[in-house]
Amino acid sequence: MVRSESASPLTVFRQHDVPEEVLALSPLADPDYVDLFTIATGDAAPGSPEQWARAAFEDVAGLKGQFIWRVLLGLRLKRRTSPTCVAGWTIAERGDRWLRLEARSWMLTGHLVIVVDDEEVSLGTFLRYDRPMARRVWTPLSAVHRHEAPGLLREAYEVRQAGAR
């Protein structure tokens, strides 16, 4: 595990060995890119996976996320938020403690998975390169993604806390 440096008391870490139970939440066979970031909150249970996803991708990622997803990755996202999508990503499947979002572009297929338990919230990113160009585009963007993911989870936690008041 690589611990993120921050002044925030909330610890976010990247898990290099993604647990099998998380890998099983994405039906992408042999994905080309996988990562998993986890925030230890101690009180994550009050938020559903969908509430966490909306806080992270709609409230926190906002326009910057939309630019990366739509323009740089070419993902075909829905235009409006609805009960069947989060920040344009289709809600593909859900369980009591997890949610999987899905989107495709001409070059790749992406899944974002949120897993919530009593003490932690995890964000998994799964990509399959459908065209060779995807690797060339995602490789530099993946560094931005890994840099931004800890802050995304911390800010989503703050949004969730503010909404609970």
N, C-alpha and C. Protein backbone atom coordinates (compact mmCIF):
# COMPACT_ATOMS: atom_id res chain seq x y z
N MET A 1 0.82 -1.18 0.00
CA MET A 1 0.00 0.00 0.00
C MET A 1 0.87 1.25 0.00
N VAL A 2 0.41 2.25 -0.71
CA VAL A 2 1.09 3.54 -0.74
C VAL A 2 0.18 4.53 -0.03
N ARG A 3 0.63 5.08 1.05
CA ARG A 3 -0.17 6.04 1.80
C ARG A 3 -0.04 7.41 1.18
N SER A 4 -1.15 8.12 1.10
CA SER A 4 -1.16 9.46 0.51
C SER A 4 -0.73 10.48 1.56
N GLU A 5 0.04 11.44 1.14
CA GLU A 5 0.47 12.52 2.04
C GLU A 5 -0.58 13.63 2.03
N SER A 6 -1.03 14.07 3.19
CA SER A 6 -2.02 15.13 3.26
C SER A 6 -2.10 15.66 4.67
N ALA A 7 -2.55 16.91 4.78
CA ALA A 7 -2.78 17.49 6.09
C ALA A 7 -4.08 16.96 6.68
N SER A 8 -4.92 16.35 5.87
CA SER A 8 -6.20 15.84 6.30
C SER A 8 -6.00 14.65 7.23
N PRO A 9 -6.81 14.55 8.29
CA PRO A 9 -6.69 13.40 9.18
C PRO A 9 -7.22 12.11 8.55
N LEU A 10 -7.93 12.22 7.45
CA LEU A 10 -8.46 11.04 6.79
C LEU A 10 -7.38 10.39 5.93
N THR A 11 -7.17 9.12 6.13
CA THR A 11 -6.14 8.40 5.40
C THR A 11 -6.74 7.79 4.13
N VAL A 12 -6.10 8.07 3.02
CA VAL A 12 -6.46 7.45 1.75
C VAL A 12 -5.25 6.66 1.29
N PHE A 13 -5.48 5.43 0.91
CA PHE A 13 -4.37 4.62 0.42
C PHE A 13 -4.74 3.90 -0.86
N ARG A 14 -3.72 3.64 -1.64
CA ARG A 14 -3.88 2.88 -2.88
C ARG A 14 -3.52 1.44 -2.59
N GLN A 15 -4.42 0.56 -2.94
CA GLN A 15 -4.15 -0.87 -2.76
C GLN A 15 -3.58 -1.42 -4.06
N HIS A 16 -2.37 -1.91 -3.99
CA HIS A 16 -1.73 -2.44 -5.20
C HIS A 16 -2.23 -3.85 -5.52
N ASP A 17 -2.61 -4.59 -4.50
CA ASP A 17 -3.19 -5.91 -4.71
C ASP A 17 -4.70 -5.79 -4.48
N VAL A 18 -5.43 -5.64 -5.56
CA VAL A 18 -6.88 -5.46 -5.48
C VAL A 18 -7.50 -6.78 -5.08
N PRO A 19 -8.31 -6.79 -4.00
CA PRO A 19 -8.93 -8.04 -3.55
C PRO A 19 -9.83 -8.66 -4.63
N GLU A 20 -9.86 -9.98 -4.66
CA GLU A 20 -10.67 -10.71 -5.64
C GLU A 20 -12.13 -10.30 -5.60
N GLU A 21 -12.66 -10.04 -4.39
CA GLU A 21 -14.08 -9.67 -4.30
C GLU A 21 -14.37 -8.33 -4.96
N VAL A 22 -13.38 -7.44 -5.03
CA VAL A 22 -13.55 -6.17 -5.74
C VAL A 22 -13.36 -6.39 -7.24
N LEU A 23 -12.36 -7.17 -7.61
CA LEU A 23 -12.15 -7.48 -9.04
C LEU A 23 -13.41 -8.11 -9.64
N ALA A 24 -14.10 -8.92 -8.88
CA ALA A 24 -15.30 -9.61 -9.37
C ALA A 24 -16.46 -8.65 -9.64
N LEU A 25 -16.40 -7.41 -9.14
CA LEU A 25 -17.49 -6.46 -9.35
C LEU A 25 -17.47 -5.84 -10.74
N SER A 26 -16.38 -6.00 -11.46
CA SER A 26 -16.31 -5.54 -12.85
C SER A 26 -16.26 -6.76 -13.76
N PRO A 27 -17.19 -6.83 -14.72
CA PRO A 27 -17.17 -7.98 -15.62
C PRO A 27 -16.12 -7.90 -16.73
N LEU A 28 -15.28 -6.86 -16.72
CA LEU A 28 -14.24 -6.77 -17.74
C LEU A 28 -13.25 -7.92 -17.53
N ALA A 29 -13.16 -8.78 -18.51
CA ALA A 29 -12.22 -9.90 -18.43
C ALA A 29 -10.82 -9.36 -18.69
N ASP A 30 -9.92 -9.61 -17.77
CA ASP A 30 -8.53 -9.21 -17.91
C ASP A 30 -8.39 -7.73 -18.29
N PRO A 31 -8.83 -6.81 -17.42
CA PRO A 31 -8.74 -5.38 -17.74
C PRO A 31 -7.29 -4.94 -17.95
N ASP A 32 -7.12 -3.91 -18.75
CA ASP A 32 -5.79 -3.38 -19.04
C ASP A 32 -5.28 -2.45 -17.94
N TYR A 33 -6.20 -1.87 -17.19
CA TYR A 33 -5.83 -0.96 -16.09
C TYR A 33 -6.79 -1.19 -14.94
N VAL A 34 -6.24 -1.34 -13.74
CA VAL A 34 -7.05 -1.48 -12.52
C VAL A 34 -6.33 -0.73 -11.41
N ASP A 35 -7.09 0.05 -10.65
CA ASP A 35 -6.55 0.57 -9.40
C ASP A 35 -7.67 0.63 -8.37
N LEU A 36 -7.28 0.74 -7.11
CA LEU A 36 -8.24 0.80 -6.02
C LEU A 36 -7.70 1.74 -4.96
N PHE A 37 -8.48 2.77 -4.66
CA PHE A 37 -8.15 3.71 -3.59
C PHE A 37 -9.20 3.57 -2.50
N THR A 38 -8.75 3.63 -1.25
CA THR A 38 -9.64 3.45 -0.11
C THR A 38 -9.41 4.56 0.89
N ILE A 39 -10.52 5.12 1.40
CA ILE A 39 -10.46 6.11 2.46
C ILE A 39 -11.00 5.46 3.74
N ALA A 40 -10.22 5.56 4.79
CA ALA A 40 -10.63 5.05 6.09
C ALA A 40 -11.36 6.16 6.82
N THR A 41 -12.69 6.02 6.94
CA THR A 41 -13.49 7.09 7.53
C THR A 41 -13.96 6.77 8.94
N GLY A 42 -14.14 5.51 9.24
CA GLY A 42 -14.67 5.13 10.54
C GLY A 42 -16.18 5.26 10.62
N ASP A 43 -16.79 5.95 9.65
CA ASP A 43 -18.24 6.15 9.70
C ASP A 43 -18.86 6.23 8.30
N ALA A 44 -18.43 5.37 7.41
CA ALA A 44 -18.90 5.42 6.03
C ALA A 44 -20.30 4.85 5.85
N ALA A 45 -20.72 3.96 6.74
CA ALA A 45 -21.96 3.22 6.55
C ALA A 45 -23.20 4.08 6.30
N PRO A 46 -23.35 5.27 6.91
CA PRO A 46 -24.58 6.04 6.65
C PRO A 46 -24.80 6.42 5.19
N GLY A 47 -23.77 6.42 4.38
CA GLY A 47 -23.94 6.77 2.98
C GLY A 47 -24.03 5.51 2.13
N SER A 48 -24.98 5.52 1.20
CA SER A 48 -25.08 4.40 0.27
C SER A 48 -23.99 4.53 -0.79
N PRO A 49 -23.67 3.46 -1.50
CA PRO A 49 -22.68 3.58 -2.58
C PRO A 49 -23.10 4.63 -3.62
N GLU A 50 -24.39 4.73 -3.92
CA GLU A 50 -24.84 5.74 -4.88
C GLU A 50 -24.64 7.15 -4.34
N GLN A 51 -24.90 7.37 -3.07
CA GLN A 51 -24.68 8.69 -2.48
C GLN A 51 -23.20 9.06 -2.53
N TRP A 52 -22.34 8.11 -2.26
CA TRP A 52 -20.90 8.35 -2.35
C TRP A 52 -20.50 8.65 -3.78
N ALA A 53 -21.03 7.89 -4.74
CA ALA A 53 -20.70 8.12 -6.15
C ALA A 53 -21.15 9.51 -6.59
N ARG A 54 -22.36 9.91 -6.21
CA ARG A 54 -22.85 11.23 -6.60
C ARG A 54 -22.00 12.33 -5.96
N ALA A 55 -21.63 12.16 -4.70
CA ALA A 55 -20.77 13.15 -4.05
C ALA A 55 -19.43 13.25 -4.77
N ALA A 56 -18.82 12.11 -5.09
CA ALA A 56 -17.49 12.11 -5.72
C ALA A 56 -17.52 12.62 -7.15
N PHE A 57 -18.43 12.10 -7.97
CA PHE A 57 -18.37 12.36 -9.41
C PHE A 57 -19.20 13.55 -9.86
N GLU A 58 -20.28 13.84 -9.14
CA GLU A 58 -21.09 15.01 -9.52
C GLU A 58 -20.64 16.25 -8.76
N ASP A 59 -20.54 16.14 -7.42
CA ASP A 59 -20.22 17.31 -6.61
C ASP A 59 -18.74 17.67 -6.64
N VAL A 60 -17.86 16.68 -6.55
CA VAL A 60 -16.43 16.96 -6.45
C VAL A 60 -15.75 17.00 -7.82
N ALA A 61 -15.87 15.96 -8.62
CA ALA A 61 -15.19 15.93 -9.93
C ALA A 61 -15.75 17.00 -10.85
N GLY A 62 -17.05 17.18 -10.84
CA GLY A 62 -17.71 18.27 -11.56
C GLY A 62 -17.25 18.45 -13.00
N LEU A 63 -17.02 19.69 -13.39
CA LEU A 63 -16.67 20.02 -14.76
C LEU A 63 -15.29 19.48 -15.16
N LYS A 64 -14.36 19.45 -14.22
CA LYS A 64 -13.03 18.90 -14.52
C LYS A 64 -13.15 17.43 -14.89
N GLY A 65 -13.94 16.69 -14.13
CA GLY A 65 -14.17 15.29 -14.44
C GLY A 65 -14.85 15.13 -15.79
N GLN A 66 -15.87 15.96 -16.04
CA GLN A 66 -16.58 15.88 -17.32
C GLN A 66 -15.63 16.15 -18.49
N PHE A 67 -14.72 17.12 -18.33
CA PHE A 67 -13.76 17.41 -19.40
C PHE A 67 -12.87 16.19 -19.67
N ILE A 68 -12.36 15.60 -18.61
CA ILE A 68 -11.49 14.43 -18.79
C ILE A 68 -12.26 13.28 -19.42
N TRP A 69 -13.44 12.99 -18.87
CA TRP A 69 -14.21 11.83 -19.35
C TRP A 69 -14.71 12.02 -20.78
N ARG A 70 -15.32 13.18 -21.04
CA ARG A 70 -15.96 13.40 -22.35
C ARG A 70 -14.97 13.80 -23.44
N VAL A 71 -14.06 14.73 -23.12
CA VAL A 71 -13.17 15.28 -24.15
C VAL A 71 -11.91 14.44 -24.32
N LEU A 72 -11.18 14.21 -23.24
CA LEU A 72 -9.91 13.50 -23.36
C LEU A 72 -10.08 12.01 -23.59
N LEU A 73 -11.06 11.39 -22.92
CA LEU A 73 -11.29 9.95 -23.09
C LEU A 73 -12.39 9.64 -24.09
N GLY A 74 -13.17 10.64 -24.46
CA GLY A 74 -14.23 10.43 -25.44
C GLY A 74 -15.38 9.57 -24.96
N LEU A 75 -15.57 9.48 -23.64
CA LEU A 75 -16.65 8.64 -23.12
C LEU A 75 -18.00 9.19 -23.53
N ARG A 76 -18.88 8.30 -23.91
CA ARG A 76 -20.24 8.68 -24.28
C ARG A 76 -21.09 8.62 -23.01
N LEU A 77 -21.23 9.77 -22.38
CA LEU A 77 -21.98 9.87 -21.13
C LEU A 77 -23.34 10.47 -21.41
N LYS A 78 -24.29 10.16 -20.54
CA LYS A 78 -25.63 10.73 -20.64
C LYS A 78 -25.53 12.23 -20.39
N ARG A 79 -26.47 12.98 -20.93
CA ARG A 79 -26.47 14.44 -20.80
C ARG A 79 -26.97 14.93 -19.46
N ARG A 80 -27.89 14.21 -18.86
CA ARG A 80 -28.50 14.68 -17.61
C ARG A 80 -28.37 13.63 -16.51
N THR A 81 -28.29 14.11 -15.28
CA THR A 81 -28.31 13.21 -14.15
C THR A 81 -29.71 12.63 -14.02
N SER A 82 -29.78 11.36 -13.70
CA SER A 82 -31.06 10.69 -13.54
C SER A 82 -30.89 9.56 -12.54
N PRO A 83 -31.98 8.90 -12.17
CA PRO A 83 -31.86 7.75 -11.26
C PRO A 83 -31.05 6.60 -11.85
N THR A 84 -30.84 6.60 -13.18
CA THR A 84 -30.11 5.50 -13.82
C THR A 84 -28.67 5.85 -14.17
N CYS A 85 -28.24 7.07 -13.82
CA CYS A 85 -26.85 7.43 -14.10
C CYS A 85 -26.32 8.39 -13.03
N VAL A 86 -24.99 8.43 -12.94
CA VAL A 86 -24.27 9.32 -12.02
C VAL A 86 -23.24 10.06 -12.85
N ALA A 87 -23.34 11.38 -12.89
CA ALA A 87 -22.41 12.23 -13.66
C ALA A 87 -22.32 11.76 -15.11
N GLY A 88 -23.41 11.22 -15.63
CA GLY A 88 -23.45 10.75 -17.00
C GLY A 88 -23.09 9.28 -17.18
N TRP A 89 -22.44 8.70 -16.18
CA TRP A 89 -22.07 7.28 -16.22
C TRP A 89 -23.32 6.45 -15.93
N THR A 90 -23.53 5.39 -16.68
CA THR A 90 -24.67 4.50 -16.46
C THR A 90 -24.45 3.66 -15.21
N ILE A 91 -25.49 3.57 -14.38
CA ILE A 91 -25.43 2.64 -13.25
C ILE A 91 -25.69 1.26 -13.85
N ALA A 92 -24.63 0.46 -13.96
CA ALA A 92 -24.71 -0.83 -14.63
C ALA A 92 -25.20 -1.94 -13.70
N GLU A 93 -24.79 -1.86 -12.44
CA GLU A 93 -25.17 -2.90 -11.49
C GLU A 93 -24.92 -2.37 -10.09
N ARG A 94 -25.65 -2.93 -9.13
CA ARG A 94 -25.47 -2.50 -7.74
C ARG A 94 -25.77 -3.65 -6.80
N GLY A 95 -25.20 -3.53 -5.61
CA GLY A 95 -25.49 -4.43 -4.50
C GLY A 95 -25.77 -3.57 -3.29
N ASP A 96 -25.96 -4.20 -2.15
CA ASP A 96 -26.24 -3.43 -0.93
C ASP A 96 -25.10 -2.49 -0.56
N ARG A 97 -23.87 -2.92 -0.79
CA ARG A 97 -22.71 -2.15 -0.34
C ARG A 97 -21.80 -1.71 -1.49
N TRP A 98 -22.26 -1.86 -2.75
CA TRP A 98 -21.42 -1.49 -3.88
C TRP A 98 -22.27 -1.03 -5.05
N LEU A 99 -21.60 -0.31 -5.95
CA LEU A 99 -22.23 0.23 -7.15
C LEU A 99 -21.20 0.20 -8.27
N ARG A 100 -21.62 -0.20 -9.47
CA ARG A 100 -20.71 -0.15 -10.62
C ARG A 100 -21.27 0.77 -11.68
N LEU A 101 -20.47 1.75 -12.08
CA LEU A 101 -20.80 2.67 -13.16
C LEU A 101 -20.05 2.21 -14.41
N GLU A 102 -20.65 2.48 -15.57
CA GLU A 102 -20.04 2.03 -16.82
C GLU A 102 -20.17 3.10 -17.89
N ALA A 103 -19.12 3.22 -18.71
CA ALA A 103 -19.15 4.13 -19.87
C ALA A 103 -18.19 3.58 -20.92
N ARG A 104 -18.49 3.92 -22.17
CA ARG A 104 -17.66 3.49 -23.29
C ARG A 104 -17.31 4.69 -24.17
N SER A 105 -16.18 4.55 -24.84
CA SER A 105 -15.81 5.49 -25.89
C SER A 105 -15.41 4.66 -27.11
N TRP A 106 -14.97 5.34 -28.16
CA TRP A 106 -14.53 4.63 -29.35
C TRP A 106 -13.26 3.83 -29.11
N MET A 107 -12.55 4.14 -27.98
CA MET A 107 -11.26 3.49 -27.76
C MET A 107 -11.16 2.66 -26.49
N LEU A 108 -12.10 2.84 -25.54
CA LEU A 108 -11.99 2.09 -24.29
C LEU A 108 -13.36 1.91 -23.63
N THR A 109 -13.39 0.97 -22.70
CA THR A 109 -14.55 0.74 -21.84
C THR A 109 -14.09 0.96 -20.41
N GLY A 110 -14.86 1.72 -19.64
CA GLY A 110 -14.50 2.02 -18.26
C GLY A 110 -15.57 1.64 -17.28
N HIS A 111 -15.13 1.16 -16.13
CA HIS A 111 -16.01 0.90 -14.99
C HIS A 111 -15.44 1.61 -13.78
N LEU A 112 -16.31 2.28 -13.04
CA LEU A 112 -15.96 2.84 -11.74
C LEU A 112 -16.79 2.09 -10.71
N VAL A 113 -16.14 1.57 -9.68
CA VAL A 113 -16.82 0.79 -8.65
C VAL A 113 -16.62 1.48 -7.31
N ILE A 114 -17.73 1.69 -6.60
CA ILE A 114 -17.69 2.23 -5.24
C ILE A 114 -18.11 1.11 -4.30
N VAL A 115 -17.30 0.86 -3.28
CA VAL A 115 -17.61 -0.15 -2.27
C VAL A 115 -17.61 0.55 -0.91
N VAL A 116 -18.68 0.39 -0.16
CA VAL A 116 -18.82 1.04 1.14
C VAL A 116 -18.97 -0.02 2.22
N ASP A 117 -18.18 0.11 3.28
CA ASP A 117 -18.43 -0.72 4.46
C ASP A 117 -18.44 0.18 5.69
N ASP A 118 -18.48 -0.40 6.86
CA ASP A 118 -18.62 0.41 8.08
C ASP A 118 -17.47 1.37 8.32
N GLU A 119 -16.29 1.02 7.88
CA GLU A 119 -15.09 1.79 8.20
C GLU A 119 -14.43 2.47 7.00
N GLU A 120 -14.76 2.04 5.78
CA GLU A 120 -14.04 2.50 4.61
C GLU A 120 -14.96 2.68 3.41
N VAL A 121 -14.47 3.48 2.47
CA VAL A 121 -15.09 3.60 1.15
C VAL A 121 -13.97 3.42 0.14
N SER A 122 -14.21 2.58 -0.86
CA SER A 122 -13.20 2.32 -1.88
C SER A 122 -13.72 2.71 -3.25
N LEU A 123 -12.81 3.21 -4.07
CA LEU A 123 -13.08 3.56 -5.46
C LEU A 123 -12.15 2.73 -6.34
N GLY A 124 -12.76 1.89 -7.16
CA GLY A 124 -11.99 1.07 -8.10
C GLY A 124 -12.19 1.59 -9.52
N THR A 125 -11.13 1.64 -10.29
CA THR A 125 -11.19 2.04 -11.69
C THR A 125 -10.71 0.86 -12.52
N PHE A 126 -11.53 0.48 -13.50
CA PHE A 126 -11.22 -0.65 -14.38
C PHE A 126 -11.34 -0.15 -15.82
N LEU A 127 -10.32 -0.36 -16.63
CA LEU A 127 -10.36 0.04 -18.03
C LEU A 127 -9.95 -1.12 -18.93
N ARG A 128 -10.65 -1.23 -20.04
CA ARG A 128 -10.25 -2.14 -21.10
C ARG A 128 -9.96 -1.29 -22.33
N TYR A 129 -8.79 -1.47 -22.90
CA TYR A 129 -8.42 -0.74 -24.10
C TYR A 129 -9.02 -1.46 -25.31
N ASP A 130 -9.98 -0.84 -25.95
CA ASP A 130 -10.62 -1.43 -27.11
C ASP A 130 -9.89 -1.11 -28.40
N ARG A 131 -9.01 -0.11 -28.37
CA ARG A 131 -8.18 0.28 -29.51
C ARG A 131 -6.78 0.63 -28.95
N PRO A 132 -5.73 0.45 -29.75
CA PRO A 132 -4.37 0.76 -29.28
C PRO A 132 -4.21 2.20 -28.79
N MET A 133 -4.96 3.13 -29.37
CA MET A 133 -4.86 4.54 -28.98
C MET A 133 -5.18 4.74 -27.49
N ALA A 134 -6.01 3.90 -26.91
CA ALA A 134 -6.42 4.06 -25.51
C ALA A 134 -5.22 4.04 -24.57
N ARG A 135 -4.28 3.15 -24.82
CA ARG A 135 -3.09 3.09 -23.95
C ARG A 135 -2.29 4.40 -24.03
N ARG A 136 -2.16 4.93 -25.23
CA ARG A 136 -1.40 6.17 -25.40
C ARG A 136 -2.09 7.36 -24.73
N VAL A 137 -3.40 7.36 -24.73
CA VAL A 137 -4.15 8.45 -24.09
C VAL A 137 -4.17 8.26 -22.58
N TRP A 138 -4.45 7.04 -22.12
CA TRP A 138 -4.65 6.81 -20.68
C TRP A 138 -3.34 6.85 -19.90
N THR A 139 -2.24 6.42 -20.48
CA THR A 139 -0.99 6.36 -19.71
C THR A 139 -0.65 7.70 -19.05
N PRO A 140 -0.62 8.83 -19.76
CA PRO A 140 -0.35 10.08 -19.04
C PRO A 140 -1.52 10.51 -18.15
N LEU A 141 -2.76 10.23 -18.58
CA LEU A 141 -3.91 10.60 -17.74
C LEU A 141 -3.97 9.78 -16.46
N SER A 142 -3.45 8.57 -16.49
CA SER A 142 -3.50 7.72 -15.29
C SER A 142 -2.68 8.34 -14.15
N ALA A 143 -1.60 9.04 -14.48
CA ALA A 143 -0.82 9.71 -13.44
C ALA A 143 -1.65 10.81 -12.78
N VAL A 144 -2.41 11.55 -13.58
CA VAL A 144 -3.31 12.58 -13.03
C VAL A 144 -4.37 11.91 -12.18
N HIS A 145 -4.95 10.83 -12.68
CA HIS A 145 -5.98 10.09 -11.95
C HIS A 145 -5.47 9.64 -10.58
N ARG A 146 -4.29 9.03 -10.55
CA ARG A 146 -3.74 8.53 -9.28
C ARG A 146 -3.40 9.67 -8.32
N HIS A 147 -3.05 10.83 -8.85
CA HIS A 147 -2.77 11.99 -8.02
C HIS A 147 -4.07 12.57 -7.44
N GLU A 148 -5.12 12.60 -8.25
CA GLU A 148 -6.39 13.23 -7.86
C GLU A 148 -7.31 12.35 -7.02
N ALA A 149 -7.22 11.03 -7.17
CA ALA A 149 -8.16 10.11 -6.50
C ALA A 149 -8.20 10.28 -4.97
N PRO A 150 -7.08 10.41 -4.28
CA PRO A 150 -7.17 10.60 -2.82
C PRO A 150 -7.96 11.85 -2.44
N GLY A 151 -7.71 12.97 -3.12
CA GLY A 151 -8.45 14.20 -2.84
C GLY A 151 -9.93 14.06 -3.18
N LEU A 152 -10.23 13.36 -4.25
CA LEU A 152 -11.62 13.12 -4.63
C LEU A 152 -12.36 12.41 -3.51
N LEU A 153 -11.76 11.38 -2.94
CA LEU A 153 -12.40 10.64 -1.84
C LEU A 153 -12.52 11.50 -0.58
N ARG A 154 -11.47 12.26 -0.27
CA ARG A 154 -11.54 13.14 0.92
C ARG A 154 -12.65 14.18 0.77
N GLU A 155 -12.71 14.81 -0.41
CA GLU A 155 -13.73 15.84 -0.64
C GLU A 155 -15.13 15.24 -0.68
N ALA A 156 -15.27 14.04 -1.22
CA ALA A 156 -16.58 13.36 -1.22
C ALA A 156 -17.01 13.08 0.22
N TYR A 157 -16.06 12.72 1.07
CA TYR A 157 -16.36 12.52 2.49
C TYR A 157 -16.88 13.82 3.10
N GLU A 158 -16.22 14.93 2.79
CA GLU A 158 -16.65 16.23 3.33
C GLU A 158 -18.04 16.60 2.82
N VAL A 159 -18.31 16.34 1.55
CA VAL A 159 -19.65 16.60 0.99
C VAL A 159 -20.68 15.74 1.71
N ARG A 160 -20.36 14.47 1.93
CA ARG A 160 -21.29 13.57 2.62
C ARG A 160 -21.53 14.06 4.05
N GLN A 161 -20.47 14.49 4.72
CA GLN A 161 -20.61 14.99 6.11
C GLN A 161 -21.47 16.25 6.14
N ALA A 162 -21.26 17.17 5.20
CA ALA A 162 -22.04 18.41 5.16
C ALA A 162 -23.51 18.11 4.89
N GLY A 163 -23.77 17.12 4.04
CA GLY A 163 -25.14 16.76 3.71
C GLY A 163 -25.86 16.06 4.85
N ALA A 164 -25.10 15.46 5.77
CA ALA A 164 -25.70 14.75 6.90
C ALA A 164 -26.10 15.68 8.03
N ARG A 165 -25.64 16.94 7.95
CA ARG A 165 -25.92 17.88 9.04
C ARG A 165 -27.30 18.47 8.92
